[in-house]
Amino acid sequence: VILILAYATFIASGSLTAVAETQRRQNVLLIVTDDMNNDLGCYGHPQVQSPHIDRLAEKGMRFDRAYCQVTVCNPSRVSMLSGLRPDKTRVYTLTEQTRSHLGDWVMLPEYFRQKGFFTAQIGKIYHTKDGYEDPRSWDVEIREFGKRPPEDQIIKYGNPDGPGEHTNDWAWLKTPDAQTPDGIVARRAVKILEQIVERGEPFFMGAGFRRPHAPFAAPQEYFELYPTESIKLPESPPAGYRQQLVPAAVNYPPPDQPMTEQQQRELIAAYYACNTYVDAQVGVLLEAVDRLDLWKNTIIVFVSDHGYHLGDHGGFWHKLSLFEESARVPLVIYAPDMKASGQSTQQLVEL
């Protein structure tokens, strides 16, 4: 991802006239989701509905073997945005701040900003809060907000015990899409895109969605797409499977009382609902790309910071493992006039 985006900037920074340079520059729209695994239609999932991400995959290239550097939000994002592996960033946890060991290292959006691109963050791109965010990367910085829904918007709610101290709560909301945090992110991003296009500036925009990160909260209509009786549970591994795993593969103990099958189905359905909800917000962005005629001059990257377990391997939930479900991510890249439009690749790639 870093190399492709940097190449676009290289093309734009040659010895051209100012007008010609502006005409040839490729904009970048970087769409980042949080905790999204590969349970999407374009990756062959038989149940999850993701028509807008699928549409982007039909226009771009789908990477089938894309992997994050660390299977947790903060270090994964620092690695991706710095272009450095964790042995260089030395950020391995949620508590180590972005520039603790990086000093004045130029981050990806900052590099575009230095090259004359207008840069904007809407939602979660870096990890959240001071010390993790990177104000020098952006001309406009609208940080993540609204992690938990207001109680008066919750129709149904569940919070089964999970492994370790991880949250498993889910909530059906009566809130319209446009008033949810991710819905607001998508619509603010569109407003800023409209302003940038009107000014005629090249841009690098990061639009970051919170879901499907827990709590799995989304409007009711998305939950109704996944009735619990339709949810298929992962196959159980052979007896003694967990005891055969190397210690490094097991990052948290199982709960004292395993979830019931109904609780597991409710949790998986809630996760699927959030994937489809995020897909709808991606659709808001792509509608703006259509309307503003940006397909001709904009690179679009869709990616998650890491994957997610849904009860597989005999009861793994959340992330923090080196298994495929946790380390593999969805990655789709579109570029104008690309030769591989609508294709996929099995080549190994890293964030």
Protein backbone atom coordinates (compact mmCIF):
# COMPACT_ATOMS: atom_id res chain seq x y z
CA VAL A 1 0.00 0.00 0.00
CA ILE A 2 2.76 2.42 0.97
CA LEU A 3 4.68 1.79 -2.26
CA ILE A 4 1.64 2.20 -4.49
CA LEU A 5 0.63 5.48 -2.87
CA ALA A 6 4.19 6.79 -2.86
CA TYR A 7 4.50 5.93 -6.56
CA ALA A 8 1.48 8.09 -7.31
CA THR A 9 3.16 10.97 -5.54
CA PHE A 10 6.41 10.32 -7.40
CA ILE A 11 4.57 10.54 -10.71
CA ALA A 12 3.02 13.82 -9.58
CA SER A 13 6.27 15.41 -8.43
CA GLY A 14 8.27 15.30 -11.66
CA SER A 15 9.50 18.30 -13.63
CA LEU A 16 6.10 19.34 -14.99
CA THR A 17 4.47 22.71 -15.08
CA ALA A 18 2.25 23.55 -12.11
CA VAL A 19 -0.92 23.06 -14.16
CA ALA A 20 0.16 19.78 -15.71
CA GLU A 21 1.35 18.52 -12.32
CA THR A 22 -2.06 19.19 -10.76
CA GLN A 23 -3.79 17.44 -13.66
CA ARG A 24 -1.65 14.30 -13.36
CA ARG A 25 -1.66 13.90 -9.61
CA GLN A 26 -3.63 10.96 -8.31
CA ASN A 27 -5.76 11.65 -5.26
CA VAL A 28 -5.95 9.02 -2.53
CA LEU A 29 -8.99 7.87 -0.56
CA LEU A 30 -7.86 5.51 2.20
CA ILE A 31 -10.77 3.68 3.89
CA VAL A 32 -9.82 1.89 7.11
CA THR A 33 -12.11 -0.34 9.15
CA ASP A 34 -11.53 -1.61 12.68
CA ASP A 35 -11.45 -5.34 13.55
CA MET A 36 -12.94 -6.42 10.20
CA ASN A 37 -12.05 -9.92 9.06
CA ASN A 38 -12.59 -11.37 5.58
CA ASP A 39 -16.24 -12.26 6.12
CA LEU A 40 -17.41 -10.29 3.07
CA GLY A 41 -19.22 -11.17 -0.11
CA CYS A 42 -16.24 -10.42 -2.36
CA TYR A 43 -14.16 -12.87 -0.31
CA GLY A 44 -16.69 -15.62 -0.86
CA HIS A 45 -18.60 -15.53 2.41
CA PRO A 46 -21.96 -17.24 1.78
CA GLN A 47 -24.01 -15.03 4.11
CA VAL A 48 -22.48 -11.59 4.76
CA GLN A 49 -23.90 -8.88 2.50
CA SER A 50 -21.34 -6.28 1.41
CA PRO A 51 -22.48 -4.97 -1.99
CA HIS A 52 -20.49 -1.72 -1.92
CA ILE A 53 -17.15 -3.27 -0.94
CA ASP A 54 -17.90 -5.97 -3.53
CA ARG A 55 -18.41 -3.25 -6.13
CA LEU A 56 -15.05 -1.70 -5.27
CA ALA A 57 -13.44 -5.14 -5.64
CA GLU A 58 -15.03 -5.47 -9.09
CA LYS A 59 -13.34 -2.21 -10.10
CA GLY A 60 -10.03 -2.79 -8.33
CA MET A 61 -7.85 -5.70 -7.25
CA ARG A 62 -8.72 -7.96 -4.32
CA PHE A 63 -5.77 -9.22 -2.31
CA ASP A 64 -6.52 -12.68 -0.93
CA ARG A 65 -3.38 -13.06 1.19
CA ALA A 66 -2.95 -9.69 2.88
CA TYR A 67 -1.67 -9.66 6.45
CA CYS A 68 -1.20 -7.10 9.20
CA GLN A 69 2.03 -6.73 11.18
CA VAL A 70 0.47 -6.98 14.65
CA THR A 71 -2.99 -8.33 15.43
CA VAL A 72 -4.13 -5.37 17.51
CA CYS A 73 -5.19 -1.85 16.49
CA ASN A 74 -2.51 0.61 17.59
CA PRO A 75 0.70 -1.19 16.54
CA SER A 76 -0.89 -2.34 13.29
CA ARG A 77 -1.87 1.20 12.33
CA VAL A 78 1.50 2.68 13.34
CA SER A 79 3.25 0.09 11.18
CA MET A 80 0.96 0.66 8.20
CA LEU A 81 1.11 4.46 8.34
CA SER A 82 4.86 4.64 8.99
CA GLY A 83 5.85 2.02 6.43
CA LEU A 84 7.99 0.38 9.12
CA ARG A 85 7.70 -3.02 10.73
CA PRO A 86 7.23 -3.18 14.51
CA ASP A 87 10.87 -4.00 15.18
CA LYS A 88 11.56 -0.45 13.93
CA THR A 89 8.51 1.37 15.34
CA ARG A 90 8.86 -0.53 18.66
CA VAL A 91 5.12 -0.13 19.10
CA TYR A 92 3.68 -3.52 20.07
CA THR A 93 0.81 -2.64 22.42
CA LEU A 94 -2.15 -0.33 22.89
CA THR A 95 -0.25 1.71 25.47
CA GLU A 96 2.86 2.61 23.43
CA GLN A 97 2.29 5.94 21.69
CA THR A 98 2.76 6.47 17.96
CA ARG A 99 5.97 8.49 18.02
CA SER A 100 7.50 7.10 21.22
CA HIS A 101 10.47 5.81 19.23
CA LEU A 102 9.89 7.36 15.79
CA GLY A 103 10.83 10.99 16.51
CA ASP A 104 10.38 13.06 13.35
CA TRP A 105 9.80 10.09 11.05
CA VAL A 106 7.53 11.19 8.19
CA MET A 107 4.26 9.27 8.24
CA LEU A 108 2.33 8.40 5.07
CA PRO A 109 -0.30 11.18 5.14
CA GLU A 110 2.35 13.67 6.26
CA TYR A 111 4.43 12.74 3.21
CA PHE A 112 1.51 13.60 0.94
CA ARG A 113 0.98 16.83 2.83
CA GLN A 114 4.63 17.79 2.29
CA LYS A 115 4.12 17.22 -1.45
CA GLY A 116 1.27 19.72 -1.63
CA PHE A 117 -1.70 17.43 -1.15
CA PHE A 118 -4.58 18.52 1.07
CA THR A 119 -4.78 15.87 3.80
CA ALA A 120 -7.85 15.10 5.90
CA GLN A 121 -8.61 12.57 8.61
CA ILE A 122 -12.24 11.77 9.37
CA GLY A 123 -12.74 9.10 12.03
CA LYS A 124 -10.23 6.49 13.19
CA ILE A 125 -7.04 6.33 11.13
CA TYR A 126 -4.37 6.44 13.81
CA HIS A 127 -5.26 4.98 17.20
CA THR A 128 -7.41 7.26 19.33
CA LYS A 129 -6.47 10.05 21.80
CA ASP A 130 -3.52 12.43 22.22
CA GLY A 131 -0.16 10.77 21.82
CA TYR A 132 -1.60 8.25 19.36
CA GLU A 133 -3.11 10.65 16.85
CA ASP A 134 -0.71 12.57 14.60
CA PRO A 135 -1.86 16.18 14.02
CA ARG A 136 1.15 17.01 11.84
CA SER A 137 -0.17 14.55 9.25
CA TRP A 138 -3.38 16.45 8.56
CA ASP A 139 -4.76 19.77 7.32
CA VAL A 140 -8.14 18.69 8.74
CA GLU A 141 -8.35 16.29 11.67
CA ILE A 142 -11.74 15.00 12.82
CA ARG A 143 -11.02 12.28 15.35
CA GLU A 144 -13.00 9.20 16.27
CA PHE A 145 -15.96 9.78 18.56
CA GLY A 146 -19.00 7.93 19.90
CA LYS A 147 -17.52 4.56 20.78
CA ARG A 148 -20.61 3.51 22.71
CA PRO A 149 -24.20 4.23 21.71
CA PRO A 150 -26.52 6.26 23.94
CA GLU A 151 -28.68 4.01 26.10
CA ASP A 152 -31.87 5.64 24.86
CA GLN A 153 -31.08 4.45 21.33
CA ILE A 154 -30.75 0.75 22.24
CA ILE A 155 -33.62 -1.58 21.30
CA LYS A 156 -32.03 -4.92 22.21
CA TYR A 157 -28.81 -5.65 24.06
CA GLY A 158 -26.58 -8.59 25.00
CA ASN A 159 -23.28 -8.97 26.80
CA PRO A 160 -22.18 -12.61 27.22
CA ASP A 161 -19.00 -13.40 29.10
CA GLY A 162 -16.02 -13.79 26.83
CA PRO A 163 -12.38 -14.80 27.11
CA GLY A 164 -10.19 -12.62 29.28
CA GLU A 165 -11.51 -9.11 29.77
CA HIS A 166 -12.61 -8.56 26.18
CA THR A 167 -16.03 -7.10 25.55
CA ASN A 168 -18.67 -9.07 23.67
CA ASP A 169 -21.60 -6.69 23.96
CA TRP A 170 -23.92 -6.00 21.07
CA ALA A 171 -26.82 -3.61 20.58
CA TRP A 172 -29.68 -3.10 18.13
CA LEU A 173 -30.13 0.63 17.61
CA LYS A 174 -33.08 2.73 16.52
CA THR A 175 -30.65 5.42 15.37
CA PRO A 176 -30.74 6.22 11.62
CA ASP A 177 -27.48 5.58 9.76
CA ALA A 178 -26.82 9.26 9.22
CA GLN A 179 -26.84 9.90 12.98
CA THR A 180 -24.52 7.04 14.00
CA PRO A 181 -20.80 7.81 14.49
CA ASP A 182 -19.70 5.91 11.37
CA GLY A 183 -22.58 7.38 9.40
CA ILE A 184 -21.45 10.85 10.45
CA VAL A 185 -17.86 10.03 9.46
CA ALA A 186 -18.95 9.01 5.96
CA ARG A 187 -21.09 12.09 5.45
CA ARG A 188 -18.51 14.52 6.82
CA ALA A 189 -15.95 12.94 4.52
CA VAL A 190 -18.28 13.55 1.57
CA LYS A 191 -18.72 17.23 2.52
CA ILE A 192 -14.97 17.70 2.70
CA LEU A 193 -14.51 15.89 -0.62
CA GLU A 194 -17.00 18.27 -2.21
CA GLN A 195 -15.06 21.28 -0.90
CA ILE A 196 -11.70 19.91 -2.06
CA VAL A 197 -12.99 19.11 -5.54
CA GLU A 198 -14.47 22.58 -5.83
CA ARG A 199 -11.06 24.06 -4.97
CA GLY A 200 -9.31 21.76 -7.43
CA GLU A 201 -6.70 20.52 -4.93
CA PRO A 202 -5.08 17.08 -4.95
CA PHE A 203 -5.95 15.24 -1.75
CA PHE A 204 -5.13 12.38 0.56
CA MET A 205 -8.18 11.54 2.67
CA GLY A 206 -8.34 8.94 5.42
CA ALA A 207 -11.88 7.85 6.31
CA GLY A 208 -11.82 5.55 9.33
CA PHE A 209 -14.80 3.51 10.55
CA ARG A 210 -15.09 2.23 14.12
CA ARG A 211 -17.16 -0.84 13.42
CA PRO A 212 -17.17 -3.80 13.47
CA HIS A 213 -15.10 -3.21 16.65
CA ALA A 214 -17.05 -4.02 19.82
CA PRO A 215 -19.53 -3.02 21.04
CA PHE A 216 -21.28 -4.48 18.01
CA ALA A 217 -23.80 -1.67 17.74
CA ALA A 218 -25.65 -0.91 14.53
CA PRO A 219 -29.13 0.12 13.39
CA GLN A 220 -31.80 -2.57 13.69
CA GLU A 221 -32.17 -3.10 9.94
CA TYR A 222 -28.72 -4.67 9.71
CA PHE A 223 -29.40 -7.13 12.52
CA GLU A 224 -32.60 -8.21 10.81
CA LEU A 225 -30.54 -9.45 7.86
CA TYR A 226 -28.98 -12.12 10.08
CA PRO A 227 -31.56 -14.01 12.15
CA THR A 228 -29.77 -16.10 14.74
CA GLU A 229 -31.28 -19.37 13.51
CA SER A 230 -29.50 -18.81 10.18
CA ILE A 231 -26.04 -18.51 11.75
CA LYS A 232 -23.76 -21.51 11.34
CA LEU A 233 -21.31 -22.07 14.19
CA PRO A 234 -17.67 -23.00 13.47
CA GLU A 235 -16.85 -26.67 13.43
CA SER A 236 -15.44 -28.00 16.69
CA PRO A 237 -11.80 -29.14 16.51
CA PRO A 238 -10.70 -32.60 17.71
CA ALA A 239 -10.61 -33.30 21.45
CA GLY A 240 -7.49 -31.91 23.10
CA TYR A 241 -6.85 -29.45 20.27
CA ARG A 242 -6.30 -26.44 22.50
CA GLN A 243 -3.84 -28.33 24.71
CA GLN A 244 -1.74 -29.12 21.63
CA LEU A 245 -1.26 -25.48 20.66
CA VAL A 246 2.04 -23.78 21.39
CA PRO A 247 1.72 -21.27 24.25
CA ALA A 248 2.34 -18.29 21.95
CA ALA A 249 -0.81 -19.19 20.01
CA VAL A 250 -3.09 -18.77 23.03
CA ASN A 251 -3.15 -15.18 24.21
CA TYR A 252 -6.02 -15.33 26.67
CA PRO A 253 -7.71 -18.06 28.73
CA PRO A 254 -11.16 -19.39 27.89
CA PRO A 255 -14.05 -18.01 29.97
CA ASP A 256 -14.98 -19.82 33.16
CA GLN A 257 -18.38 -20.55 31.66
CA PRO A 258 -18.40 -21.02 27.85
CA MET A 259 -21.04 -19.15 25.91
CA THR A 260 -24.16 -21.06 24.98
CA GLU A 261 -24.77 -21.84 21.32
CA GLN A 262 -27.48 -19.18 21.26
CA GLN A 263 -25.12 -16.57 22.70
CA GLN A 264 -22.51 -17.48 20.09
CA ARG A 265 -25.04 -17.15 17.28
CA GLU A 266 -26.18 -13.78 18.59
CA LEU A 267 -22.59 -12.56 18.76
CA ILE A 268 -21.69 -13.74 15.26
CA ALA A 269 -24.93 -12.26 13.87
CA ALA A 270 -24.07 -8.94 15.53
CA TYR A 271 -20.61 -8.98 13.95
CA TYR A 272 -22.06 -9.71 10.51
CA ALA A 273 -24.59 -6.91 11.00
CA CYS A 274 -21.75 -4.48 11.73
CA ASN A 275 -19.83 -5.58 8.63
CA THR A 276 -22.89 -4.82 6.50
CA TYR A 277 -23.44 -1.53 8.33
CA VAL A 278 -19.86 -0.46 7.55
CA ASP A 279 -20.38 -1.54 3.95
CA ALA A 280 -23.35 0.84 3.75
CA GLN A 281 -21.13 3.72 4.90
CA VAL A 282 -18.55 2.75 2.27
CA GLY A 283 -21.44 3.04 -0.16
CA VAL A 284 -21.98 6.65 0.91
CA LEU A 285 -18.35 7.39 0.01
CA LEU A 286 -18.51 5.57 -3.32
CA GLU A 287 -21.70 7.43 -4.28
CA ALA A 288 -19.72 10.65 -3.80
CA VAL A 289 -16.89 9.25 -5.91
CA ASP A 290 -19.47 8.62 -8.66
CA ARG A 291 -21.09 12.02 -8.36
CA LEU A 292 -17.82 13.98 -8.15
CA ASP A 293 -16.28 12.01 -11.05
CA LEU A 294 -13.31 10.90 -8.94
CA TRP A 295 -12.79 7.43 -10.42
CA LYS A 296 -10.66 8.99 -13.18
CA ASN A 297 -8.05 10.50 -10.84
CA THR A 298 -8.31 8.85 -7.42
CA ILE A 299 -6.66 5.78 -5.93
CA ILE A 300 -8.98 4.05 -3.46
CA VAL A 301 -7.67 1.67 -0.81
CA PHE A 302 -9.99 -0.34 1.44
CA VAL A 303 -8.36 -2.18 4.34
CA SER A 304 -8.81 -3.35 7.93
CA ASP A 305 -6.21 -3.03 10.68
CA HIS A 306 -6.41 -6.78 11.50
CA GLY A 307 -8.83 -9.69 11.43
CA TYR A 308 -11.10 -11.22 14.05
CA HIS A 309 -11.98 -14.61 15.56
CA LEU A 310 -15.60 -15.69 15.77
CA GLY A 311 -15.51 -18.82 17.91
CA ASP A 312 -13.18 -20.78 15.65
CA HIS A 313 -10.32 -23.03 16.84
CA GLY A 314 -12.50 -24.35 19.60
CA GLY A 315 -13.60 -21.02 21.03
CA PHE A 316 -11.24 -18.23 19.92
CA TRP A 317 -12.82 -14.79 19.96
CA HIS A 318 -11.39 -11.33 19.28
CA LYS A 319 -7.87 -10.88 17.83
CA LEU A 320 -4.36 -11.10 19.34
CA SER A 321 -3.41 -14.43 17.76
CA LEU A 322 -1.22 -15.38 14.82
CA PHE A 323 -3.92 -17.56 13.31
CA GLU A 324 -5.26 -16.75 9.85
CA GLU A 325 -8.55 -15.38 11.18
CA SER A 326 -6.75 -12.75 13.27
CA ALA A 327 -3.77 -11.87 11.08
CA ARG A 328 -5.40 -11.81 7.63
CA VAL A 329 -7.21 -8.68 6.47
CA PRO A 330 -9.40 -7.58 3.57
CA LEU A 331 -7.48 -5.37 1.14
CA VAL A 332 -8.82 -3.88 -2.08
CA ILE A 333 -6.95 -1.32 -4.18
CA TYR A 334 -8.38 0.59 -7.12
CA ALA A 335 -6.37 2.89 -9.37
CA PRO A 336 -7.47 4.72 -12.52
CA ASP A 337 -6.69 2.80 -15.73
CA MET A 338 -5.34 -0.17 -13.78
CA LYS A 339 -4.75 -3.28 -15.88
CA ALA A 340 -5.89 -5.72 -13.19
CA SER A 341 -9.37 -4.28 -12.72
CA GLY A 342 -11.74 -6.85 -11.27
CA GLN A 343 -9.00 -9.41 -10.62
CA SER A 344 -7.63 -10.99 -7.46
CA THR A 345 -4.21 -12.18 -6.43
CA GLN A 346 -2.85 -14.91 -4.19
CA GLN A 347 0.48 -13.12 -3.81
CA LEU A 348 1.51 -12.51 -0.22
CA VAL A 349 1.33 -8.84 0.80
CA GLU A 350 1.79 -6.99 4.09
CA LEU A 351 0.29 -3.76 5.40
